[in-house]
Amino acid sequence: MVTLDTFGVAAGDREVVESSYAALNGGDIDAALAALAEDAEWHESGALPDAGVYVGREAIRAFLTEFLASWESFEQAITETRETDDKVAVFIHLTAVGRESRVEVDARYAHVWTMREGQGVRVDAYYERENALAAIEP
């Protein structure tokens, strides 16, 4: 599947991934999930309470819906993007406020997307920059 941008031009892997985060920041989970293949895998870091592997868009949707519901405000700013072969690594600065706790969160982490035919087939979360870089650099 080839993903088209708003002008009908084929979007590159980097643009597909970055648009997913923009959609999620806007609360549009469906648009964020459009960047993923139907059978995509999301491997969440053990640093989160809901760590685990989510397989398929519906499982990923459930995970993201529950995750986003816990925040009063939530913003993922992509600070850097790197591409190699079939991988796109996004380095993220998260600022958020807990819905119940009102705790302010300021965190940095990375997601490494494995792409195939313009869609993500796997996303791996990393809290250590070096580990994310090792995942994309031979």
N, C-alpha and C. Protein backbone atom coordinates (compact mmCIF):
# COMPACT_ATOMS: atom_id res chain seq x y z
N MET A 1 0.84 -1.18 0.00
CA MET A 1 0.00 0.00 0.00
C MET A 1 0.88 1.24 0.00
N VAL A 2 0.55 2.20 -0.82
CA VAL A 2 1.27 3.46 -0.87
C VAL A 2 0.41 4.50 -0.17
N THR A 3 1.00 5.23 0.77
CA THR A 3 0.29 6.27 1.49
C THR A 3 0.45 7.58 0.74
N LEU A 4 -0.67 8.29 0.57
CA LEU A 4 -0.63 9.58 -0.13
C LEU A 4 -0.75 10.70 0.88
N ASP A 5 -0.04 11.79 0.63
CA ASP A 5 -0.17 12.96 1.50
C ASP A 5 -1.43 13.73 1.11
N THR A 6 -1.65 14.86 1.74
CA THR A 6 -2.88 15.62 1.50
C THR A 6 -2.97 16.15 0.07
N PHE A 7 -1.87 16.15 -0.67
CA PHE A 7 -1.87 16.63 -2.05
C PHE A 7 -1.91 15.48 -3.06
N GLY A 8 -2.08 14.23 -2.56
CA GLY A 8 -2.14 13.08 -3.45
C GLY A 8 -0.79 12.60 -3.91
N VAL A 9 0.28 13.05 -3.27
CA VAL A 9 1.63 12.64 -3.62
C VAL A 9 2.05 11.52 -2.67
N ALA A 10 2.72 10.52 -3.20
CA ALA A 10 3.18 9.41 -2.35
C ALA A 10 4.09 9.93 -1.26
N ALA A 11 3.74 9.61 -0.02
CA ALA A 11 4.53 10.06 1.12
C ALA A 11 5.64 9.05 1.41
N GLY A 12 6.80 9.55 1.80
CA GLY A 12 7.90 8.69 2.19
C GLY A 12 7.68 8.15 3.59
N ASP A 13 8.48 7.17 3.95
CA ASP A 13 8.34 6.54 5.27
C ASP A 13 8.42 7.55 6.40
N ARG A 14 9.36 8.46 6.30
CA ARG A 14 9.53 9.46 7.36
C ARG A 14 8.25 10.29 7.54
N GLU A 15 7.67 10.73 6.44
CA GLU A 15 6.46 11.54 6.50
C GLU A 15 5.28 10.75 7.07
N VAL A 16 5.19 9.47 6.70
CA VAL A 16 4.12 8.61 7.21
C VAL A 16 4.22 8.51 8.73
N VAL A 17 5.42 8.26 9.23
CA VAL A 17 5.63 8.12 10.67
C VAL A 17 5.35 9.44 11.39
N GLU A 18 5.90 10.52 10.88
CA GLU A 18 5.72 11.82 11.53
C GLU A 18 4.25 12.23 11.54
N SER A 19 3.50 11.90 10.48
CA SER A 19 2.08 12.25 10.45
C SER A 19 1.30 11.47 11.49
N SER A 20 1.75 10.27 11.81
CA SER A 20 1.09 9.47 12.84
C SER A 20 1.16 10.15 14.20
N TYR A 21 2.31 10.73 14.53
CA TYR A 21 2.47 11.43 15.81
C TYR A 21 1.67 12.73 15.83
N ALA A 22 1.62 13.41 14.71
CA ALA A 22 0.81 14.64 14.64
C ALA A 22 -0.66 14.30 14.89
N ALA A 23 -1.14 13.21 14.30
CA ALA A 23 -2.52 12.80 14.50
C ALA A 23 -2.77 12.42 15.95
N LEU A 24 -1.86 11.68 16.54
CA LEU A 24 -2.03 11.26 17.93
C LEU A 24 -2.03 12.47 18.87
N ASN A 25 -1.17 13.45 18.59
CA ASN A 25 -1.17 14.68 19.39
C ASN A 25 -2.51 15.39 19.31
N GLY A 26 -3.18 15.26 18.18
CA GLY A 26 -4.48 15.88 18.00
C GLY A 26 -5.63 15.01 18.50
N GLY A 27 -5.30 13.85 19.07
CA GLY A 27 -6.32 12.96 19.61
C GLY A 27 -7.01 12.09 18.58
N ASP A 28 -6.48 12.04 17.36
CA ASP A 28 -7.09 11.27 16.29
C ASP A 28 -6.39 9.91 16.17
N ILE A 29 -6.85 8.96 16.96
CA ILE A 29 -6.22 7.64 16.99
C ILE A 29 -6.36 6.94 15.65
N ASP A 30 -7.53 7.07 15.00
CA ASP A 30 -7.72 6.41 13.70
C ASP A 30 -6.69 6.88 12.68
N ALA A 31 -6.47 8.18 12.60
CA ALA A 31 -5.47 8.71 11.66
C ALA A 31 -4.08 8.25 12.04
N ALA A 32 -3.79 8.19 13.33
CA ALA A 32 -2.47 7.72 13.78
C ALA A 32 -2.26 6.26 13.37
N LEU A 33 -3.29 5.46 13.50
CA LEU A 33 -3.19 4.03 13.17
C LEU A 33 -3.11 3.76 11.67
N ALA A 34 -3.51 4.73 10.86
CA ALA A 34 -3.46 4.55 9.40
C ALA A 34 -2.02 4.33 8.92
N ALA A 35 -1.05 4.74 9.72
CA ALA A 35 0.35 4.55 9.36
C ALA A 35 0.82 3.11 9.59
N LEU A 36 0.00 2.32 10.25
CA LEU A 36 0.37 0.94 10.58
C LEU A 36 -0.35 -0.07 9.70
N ALA A 37 0.34 -1.15 9.38
CA ALA A 37 -0.29 -2.26 8.67
C ALA A 37 -1.32 -2.91 9.59
N GLU A 38 -2.31 -3.57 9.01
CA GLU A 38 -3.36 -4.23 9.81
C GLU A 38 -2.79 -5.19 10.85
N ASP A 39 -1.71 -5.88 10.50
CA ASP A 39 -1.12 -6.88 11.41
C ASP A 39 0.15 -6.38 12.10
N ALA A 40 0.28 -5.07 12.21
CA ALA A 40 1.48 -4.48 12.83
C ALA A 40 1.65 -4.95 14.27
N GLU A 41 2.90 -4.90 14.73
CA GLU A 41 3.23 -5.21 16.12
C GLU A 41 3.77 -3.96 16.80
N TRP A 42 3.32 -3.71 18.03
CA TRP A 42 3.81 -2.59 18.83
C TRP A 42 4.46 -3.19 20.06
N HIS A 43 5.77 -3.00 20.21
CA HIS A 43 6.53 -3.54 21.34
C HIS A 43 6.82 -2.39 22.29
N GLU A 44 6.02 -2.31 23.36
CA GLU A 44 6.16 -1.20 24.31
C GLU A 44 7.25 -1.51 25.32
N SER A 45 7.92 -0.47 25.74
CA SER A 45 9.02 -0.58 26.69
C SER A 45 8.54 -1.08 28.04
N GLY A 46 9.41 -1.83 28.71
CA GLY A 46 9.13 -2.30 30.05
C GLY A 46 9.06 -1.19 31.07
N ALA A 47 9.42 0.04 30.68
CA ALA A 47 9.38 1.18 31.59
C ALA A 47 7.95 1.65 31.85
N LEU A 48 7.01 1.22 31.02
CA LEU A 48 5.61 1.62 31.20
C LEU A 48 4.82 0.52 31.92
N PRO A 49 3.79 0.92 32.66
CA PRO A 49 2.98 -0.08 33.35
C PRO A 49 2.29 -1.05 32.38
N ASP A 50 1.95 -0.59 31.18
CA ASP A 50 1.27 -1.44 30.20
C ASP A 50 2.25 -2.03 29.19
N ALA A 51 3.46 -2.32 29.65
CA ALA A 51 4.48 -2.88 28.76
C ALA A 51 3.98 -4.19 28.17
N GLY A 52 4.43 -4.44 26.96
CA GLY A 52 4.04 -5.69 26.33
C GLY A 52 4.07 -5.56 24.83
N VAL A 53 3.55 -6.58 24.18
CA VAL A 53 3.49 -6.60 22.72
C VAL A 53 2.02 -6.60 22.32
N TYR A 54 1.68 -5.67 21.45
CA TYR A 54 0.32 -5.53 20.95
C TYR A 54 0.35 -5.85 19.46
N VAL A 55 -0.46 -6.81 19.03
CA VAL A 55 -0.43 -7.26 17.65
C VAL A 55 -1.76 -6.92 16.98
N GLY A 56 -1.66 -6.22 15.86
CA GLY A 56 -2.83 -5.83 15.08
C GLY A 56 -3.32 -4.45 15.47
N ARG A 57 -3.91 -3.78 14.49
CA ARG A 57 -4.38 -2.41 14.72
C ARG A 57 -5.37 -2.31 15.88
N GLU A 58 -6.26 -3.29 16.01
CA GLU A 58 -7.27 -3.20 17.07
C GLU A 58 -6.64 -3.30 18.46
N ALA A 59 -5.65 -4.17 18.62
CA ALA A 59 -4.96 -4.28 19.92
C ALA A 59 -4.16 -3.01 20.20
N ILE A 60 -3.55 -2.45 19.16
CA ILE A 60 -2.78 -1.21 19.33
C ILE A 60 -3.74 -0.06 19.64
N ARG A 61 -4.90 -0.04 18.97
CA ARG A 61 -5.91 0.98 19.24
C ARG A 61 -6.34 0.93 20.71
N ALA A 62 -6.60 -0.26 21.23
CA ALA A 62 -7.03 -0.40 22.63
C ALA A 62 -5.94 0.10 23.57
N PHE A 63 -4.69 -0.25 23.29
CA PHE A 63 -3.57 0.21 24.11
C PHE A 63 -3.48 1.73 24.09
N LEU A 64 -3.50 2.33 22.90
CA LEU A 64 -3.36 3.79 22.79
C LEU A 64 -4.56 4.51 23.40
N THR A 65 -5.74 3.98 23.22
CA THR A 65 -6.94 4.61 23.79
C THR A 65 -6.84 4.66 25.31
N GLU A 66 -6.48 3.55 25.92
CA GLU A 66 -6.34 3.51 27.37
C GLU A 66 -5.20 4.41 27.84
N PHE A 67 -4.09 4.39 27.11
CA PHE A 67 -2.93 5.20 27.47
C PHE A 67 -3.28 6.69 27.42
N LEU A 68 -3.91 7.12 26.34
CA LEU A 68 -4.25 8.54 26.19
C LEU A 68 -5.31 8.99 27.20
N ALA A 69 -6.18 8.10 27.60
CA ALA A 69 -7.23 8.45 28.56
C ALA A 69 -6.66 8.83 29.92
N SER A 70 -5.44 8.42 30.20
CA SER A 70 -4.84 8.72 31.51
C SER A 70 -4.21 10.11 31.57
N TRP A 71 -4.25 10.85 30.46
CA TRP A 71 -3.60 12.17 30.43
C TRP A 71 -4.61 13.30 30.24
N GLU A 72 -4.44 14.34 31.02
CA GLU A 72 -5.21 15.58 30.84
C GLU A 72 -4.71 16.32 29.60
N SER A 73 -3.38 16.37 29.48
CA SER A 73 -2.75 16.93 28.28
C SER A 73 -1.61 16.01 27.90
N PHE A 74 -1.31 15.98 26.60
CA PHE A 74 -0.34 15.02 26.07
C PHE A 74 0.23 15.57 24.77
N GLU A 75 1.55 15.72 24.71
CA GLU A 75 2.19 16.23 23.50
C GLU A 75 3.52 15.50 23.29
N GLN A 76 3.63 14.85 22.14
CA GLN A 76 4.88 14.20 21.75
C GLN A 76 5.53 15.05 20.66
N ALA A 77 6.64 15.68 20.99
CA ALA A 77 7.37 16.48 20.00
C ALA A 77 8.52 15.64 19.47
N ILE A 78 8.56 15.48 18.16
CA ILE A 78 9.67 14.74 17.55
C ILE A 78 10.86 15.69 17.48
N THR A 79 11.93 15.32 18.15
CA THR A 79 13.12 16.17 18.19
C THR A 79 14.15 15.78 17.14
N GLU A 80 14.04 14.55 16.65
CA GLU A 80 15.00 14.07 15.65
C GLU A 80 14.40 12.85 14.97
N THR A 81 14.69 12.70 13.68
CA THR A 81 14.25 11.53 12.93
C THR A 81 15.45 11.02 12.13
N ARG A 82 15.63 9.70 12.16
CA ARG A 82 16.69 9.07 11.37
C ARG A 82 16.10 7.92 10.57
N GLU A 83 16.57 7.78 9.34
CA GLU A 83 16.10 6.71 8.47
C GLU A 83 17.28 5.86 8.01
N THR A 84 17.07 4.55 8.00
CA THR A 84 18.03 3.62 7.41
C THR A 84 17.26 2.47 6.80
N ASP A 85 17.51 2.19 5.56
CA ASP A 85 16.84 1.09 4.85
C ASP A 85 15.34 1.09 5.13
N ASP A 86 14.88 0.10 5.89
CA ASP A 86 13.45 -0.04 6.15
C ASP A 86 13.05 0.44 7.53
N LYS A 87 13.90 1.22 8.19
CA LYS A 87 13.60 1.68 9.55
C LYS A 87 13.57 3.20 9.63
N VAL A 88 12.67 3.69 10.50
CA VAL A 88 12.59 5.11 10.82
C VAL A 88 12.62 5.21 12.34
N ALA A 89 13.59 5.93 12.85
CA ALA A 89 13.68 6.15 14.30
C ALA A 89 13.25 7.58 14.59
N VAL A 90 12.34 7.72 15.53
CA VAL A 90 11.91 9.05 15.96
C VAL A 90 12.28 9.20 17.43
N PHE A 91 12.94 10.30 17.71
CA PHE A 91 13.34 10.62 19.08
C PHE A 91 12.33 11.66 19.58
N ILE A 92 11.72 11.36 20.70
CA ILE A 92 10.53 12.07 21.15
C ILE A 92 10.75 12.74 22.50
N HIS A 93 10.21 13.95 22.61
CA HIS A 93 10.15 14.66 23.90
C HIS A 93 8.68 14.73 24.27
N LEU A 94 8.32 14.04 25.33
CA LEU A 94 6.95 14.00 25.80
C LEU A 94 6.75 14.97 26.95
N THR A 95 5.70 15.78 26.85
CA THR A 95 5.24 16.58 27.98
C THR A 95 3.77 16.23 28.16
N ALA A 96 3.41 15.93 29.39
CA ALA A 96 2.05 15.49 29.66
C ALA A 96 1.69 15.81 31.11
N VAL A 97 0.39 15.84 31.37
CA VAL A 97 -0.11 16.03 32.72
C VAL A 97 -1.13 14.92 32.98
N GLY A 98 -0.94 14.19 34.09
CA GLY A 98 -1.84 13.10 34.43
C GLY A 98 -3.25 13.60 34.72
N ARG A 99 -4.23 12.88 34.21
CA ARG A 99 -5.62 13.27 34.39
C ARG A 99 -6.04 13.22 35.86
N GLU A 100 -5.74 12.15 36.53
CA GLU A 100 -6.12 11.99 37.93
C GLU A 100 -5.10 12.62 38.88
N SER A 101 -3.84 12.35 38.63
CA SER A 101 -2.78 12.75 39.56
C SER A 101 -2.35 14.20 39.41
N ARG A 102 -2.55 14.76 38.21
CA ARG A 102 -2.08 16.11 37.88
C ARG A 102 -0.54 16.18 37.88
N VAL A 103 0.10 15.03 37.90
CA VAL A 103 1.56 14.98 37.85
C VAL A 103 2.01 15.40 36.45
N GLU A 104 3.03 16.27 36.40
CA GLU A 104 3.59 16.70 35.12
C GLU A 104 4.72 15.75 34.74
N VAL A 105 4.69 15.30 33.50
CA VAL A 105 5.69 14.37 33.00
C VAL A 105 6.49 15.07 31.91
N ASP A 106 7.80 14.91 31.98
CA ASP A 106 8.72 15.43 30.96
C ASP A 106 9.70 14.30 30.70
N ALA A 107 9.52 13.61 29.58
CA ALA A 107 10.31 12.41 29.31
C ALA A 107 10.83 12.42 27.87
N ARG A 108 11.89 11.69 27.67
CA ARG A 108 12.46 11.51 26.33
C ARG A 108 12.60 10.02 26.07
N TYR A 109 12.23 9.62 24.86
CA TYR A 109 12.32 8.22 24.47
C TYR A 109 12.36 8.16 22.95
N ALA A 110 12.42 6.96 22.43
CA ALA A 110 12.47 6.79 20.98
C ALA A 110 11.58 5.63 20.57
N HIS A 111 11.07 5.72 19.36
CA HIS A 111 10.36 4.62 18.73
C HIS A 111 11.09 4.32 17.42
N VAL A 112 11.33 3.05 17.17
CA VAL A 112 11.91 2.62 15.91
C VAL A 112 10.84 1.85 15.15
N TRP A 113 10.48 2.40 14.01
CA TRP A 113 9.47 1.80 13.14
C TRP A 113 10.15 0.99 12.06
N THR A 114 9.68 -0.22 11.83
CA THR A 114 10.09 -1.01 10.68
C THR A 114 8.98 -0.85 9.64
N MET A 115 9.38 -0.40 8.45
CA MET A 115 8.42 -0.05 7.41
C MET A 115 8.43 -1.06 6.27
N ARG A 116 7.25 -1.26 5.69
CA ARG A 116 7.14 -2.08 4.50
C ARG A 116 6.02 -1.52 3.65
N GLU A 117 6.33 -1.18 2.42
CA GLU A 117 5.35 -0.65 1.46
C GLU A 117 4.58 0.54 2.02
N GLY A 118 5.30 1.45 2.71
CA GLY A 118 4.70 2.69 3.17
C GLY A 118 3.92 2.60 4.47
N GLN A 119 3.98 1.45 5.15
CA GLN A 119 3.29 1.31 6.43
C GLN A 119 4.21 0.68 7.46
N GLY A 120 3.96 1.02 8.72
CA GLY A 120 4.72 0.42 9.81
C GLY A 120 4.24 -0.99 10.06
N VAL A 121 5.19 -1.93 10.12
CA VAL A 121 4.84 -3.31 10.43
C VAL A 121 5.27 -3.68 11.85
N ARG A 122 6.14 -2.83 12.42
CA ARG A 122 6.59 -3.06 13.80
C ARG A 122 7.09 -1.74 14.37
N VAL A 123 6.74 -1.50 15.65
CA VAL A 123 7.24 -0.33 16.37
C VAL A 123 7.85 -0.84 17.67
N ASP A 124 9.10 -0.44 17.91
CA ASP A 124 9.80 -0.80 19.14
C ASP A 124 10.09 0.47 19.93
N ALA A 125 9.74 0.46 21.21
CA ALA A 125 9.95 1.62 22.07
C ALA A 125 11.25 1.44 22.87
N TYR A 126 12.00 2.54 22.98
CA TYR A 126 13.27 2.54 23.71
C TYR A 126 13.34 3.76 24.61
N TYR A 127 13.84 3.56 25.82
CA TYR A 127 14.05 4.70 26.71
C TYR A 127 15.51 5.11 26.75
N GLU A 128 16.37 4.32 26.16
CA GLU A 128 17.78 4.67 26.06
C GLU A 128 18.10 4.98 24.60
N ARG A 129 18.58 6.19 24.35
CA ARG A 129 18.92 6.63 22.99
C ARG A 129 19.87 5.65 22.30
N GLU A 130 20.87 5.19 23.05
CA GLU A 130 21.87 4.30 22.47
C GLU A 130 21.24 3.00 21.95
N ASN A 131 20.25 2.50 22.67
CA ASN A 131 19.58 1.27 22.23
C ASN A 131 18.78 1.49 20.95
N ALA A 132 18.15 2.64 20.84
CA ALA A 132 17.41 2.96 19.61
C ALA A 132 18.37 3.10 18.43
N LEU A 133 19.48 3.78 18.66
CA LEU A 133 20.47 3.92 17.59
C LEU A 133 21.02 2.57 17.17
N ALA A 134 21.27 1.70 18.12
CA ALA A 134 21.80 0.36 17.81
C ALA A 134 20.79 -0.43 16.98
N ALA A 135 19.50 -0.16 17.16
CA ALA A 135 18.47 -0.88 16.42
C ALA A 135 18.41 -0.46 14.95
N ILE A 136 18.91 0.73 14.63
CA ILE A 136 18.83 1.18 13.23
C ILE A 136 20.18 1.21 12.53
N GLU A 137 21.26 1.18 13.28
CA GLU A 137 22.58 1.27 12.65
C GLU A 137 23.25 -0.10 12.67
N PRO A 138 23.72 -0.54 11.51
CA PRO A 138 24.35 -1.87 11.43
C PRO A 138 25.65 -1.95 12.22
